[in-house]
Protein backbone atom coordinates (compact mmCIF):
# COMPACT_ATOMS: atom_id res chain seq x y z
CA LEU A 1 -25.73 6.41 -6.28
CA PHE A 2 -25.71 5.66 -2.58
CA PRO A 3 -23.82 3.08 -1.20
CA SER A 4 -26.25 0.26 0.05
CA LEU A 5 -27.10 0.26 3.97
CA CYS A 6 -25.33 -2.92 4.43
CA THR A 7 -22.01 -1.29 3.25
CA ILE A 8 -22.42 1.42 5.45
CA THR A 9 -23.39 -0.47 8.48
CA SER A 10 -20.60 -3.18 7.79
CA SER A 11 -17.71 -0.79 7.90
CA SER A 12 -15.25 -0.25 10.48
CA PRO A 13 -15.38 3.67 10.83
CA PHE A 14 -19.39 3.12 10.73
CA HIS A 15 -18.96 1.30 14.02
CA CYS A 16 -16.24 3.77 15.31
CA THR A 17 -18.64 6.75 14.85
CA ILE A 18 -21.51 4.78 16.78
CA GLY A 19 -19.08 4.00 19.41
CA ASP A 20 -17.98 7.27 19.94
CA ALA A 21 -21.61 8.58 20.10
CA SER A 22 -22.36 5.99 22.68
CA ALA A 23 -19.41 7.05 24.52
CA LEU A 24 -20.21 10.73 24.57
CA ASP A 25 -23.52 9.61 25.83
CA GLY A 26 -22.19 7.94 29.05
CA ASN A 27 -23.00 4.10 27.40
CA HIS A 28 -19.42 2.86 27.69
CA GLU A 29 -20.37 -0.71 27.61
CA GLN A 30 -22.15 -0.09 24.41
CA ALA A 31 -19.35 1.89 23.06
CA VAL A 32 -16.89 -1.15 23.74
CA VAL A 33 -19.30 -3.41 21.95
CA LEU A 34 -19.28 -1.20 19.06
CA PHE A 35 -15.69 -0.49 18.78
CA GLN A 36 -14.80 -4.46 19.22
CA GLN A 37 -17.36 -5.17 16.38
CA ALA A 38 -15.27 -2.24 14.28
CA LEU A 39 -11.98 -4.33 15.07
CA ASP A 40 -13.64 -7.53 13.77
CA LEU A 41 -14.65 -5.89 10.59
CA GLU A 42 -11.01 -3.98 10.51
CA ALA A 43 -9.37 -7.59 10.47
CA ASP A 44 -10.79 -8.03 7.10
CA GLN A 45 -9.19 -5.03 5.60
CA PRO A 46 -6.39 -4.12 8.06
CA ASP A 47 -5.65 -0.33 8.51
CA LEU A 48 -3.21 0.03 11.38
CA ASP A 49 -4.20 3.53 11.89
CA LEU A 50 -8.05 2.63 12.39
CA ARG A 51 -6.65 -0.39 14.91
CA GLN A 52 -4.88 2.11 16.92
CA GLN A 53 -7.50 4.39 17.05
CA LEU A 54 -9.92 1.84 17.81
CA PHE A 55 -7.68 0.61 20.88
CA TRP A 56 -7.38 4.16 22.26
CA GLU A 57 -11.02 4.62 22.20
CA MET A 58 -11.46 1.15 23.69
CA SER A 59 -9.16 1.83 26.53
CA GLU A 60 -11.02 5.22 27.14
CA SER A 61 -14.64 3.47 27.20
CA TYR A 62 -12.95 0.76 29.73
CA GLU A 63 -11.49 3.53 31.98
CA GLU A 64 -14.87 5.24 32.20
CA ALA A 65 -16.57 2.04 32.90
CA GLY A 66 -14.38 1.42 35.65
CA ASN A 67 -12.10 -1.32 34.05
CA LYS A 68 -8.75 -0.17 34.82
CA GLU A 69 -7.15 -3.22 33.85
CA LEU A 70 -8.71 -3.55 30.21
CA ALA A 71 -8.23 0.18 29.81
CA GLU A 72 -4.43 -0.43 30.41
CA ASP A 73 -4.51 -3.60 28.00
CA TYR A 74 -5.85 -1.45 25.49
CA ARG A 75 -3.58 1.48 25.88
CA SER A 76 -0.81 -0.93 25.65
CA ARG A 77 -1.81 -2.13 22.53
CA ALA A 78 -2.39 1.20 20.96
CA ALA A 79 1.19 2.16 21.96
CA ASP A 80 2.55 -1.12 20.57
CA LEU A 81 1.10 -0.13 17.12
CA ASP A 82 2.39 3.25 17.37
CA GLU A 83 5.97 1.77 18.02
CA THR A 84 5.32 -0.68 14.97
CA ASP A 85 4.27 2.36 12.79
CA GLU A 86 7.44 4.18 13.75
CA ASP A 87 9.80 1.22 13.01
CA MET A 88 8.20 1.39 9.56
CA ASP A 89 8.63 4.70 8.77
CA GLU A 90 12.52 4.28 9.45
CA PRO A 91 14.72 4.00 6.82
CA ASP A 92 16.50 0.49 6.57
CA ASP A 93 20.21 1.04 7.00
CA SER A 94 21.21 -2.55 6.54
CA ALA A 95 21.26 -2.06 2.76
CA GLY A 96 23.89 0.26 3.02
């Protein structure tokens, strides 16, 4: 009836949620670790929306932790995914 704890704790959304909680607590270093674990898990079952969210979350946590360079890197990654997503949404005019 209930999913196993292993399934729950091995999911990207779980790590993302716990990462959010850590960030809200001001523990940005722990949040980054959890967001990275979520990214690692996401790679097994790609989800561009989740990956973009994680990149934004990591950017914010790095910013709060004082690492402006990594914050900008992850902001760029999130923006690049946004552009990729927009390109996929546009109709292909080459078939016409």
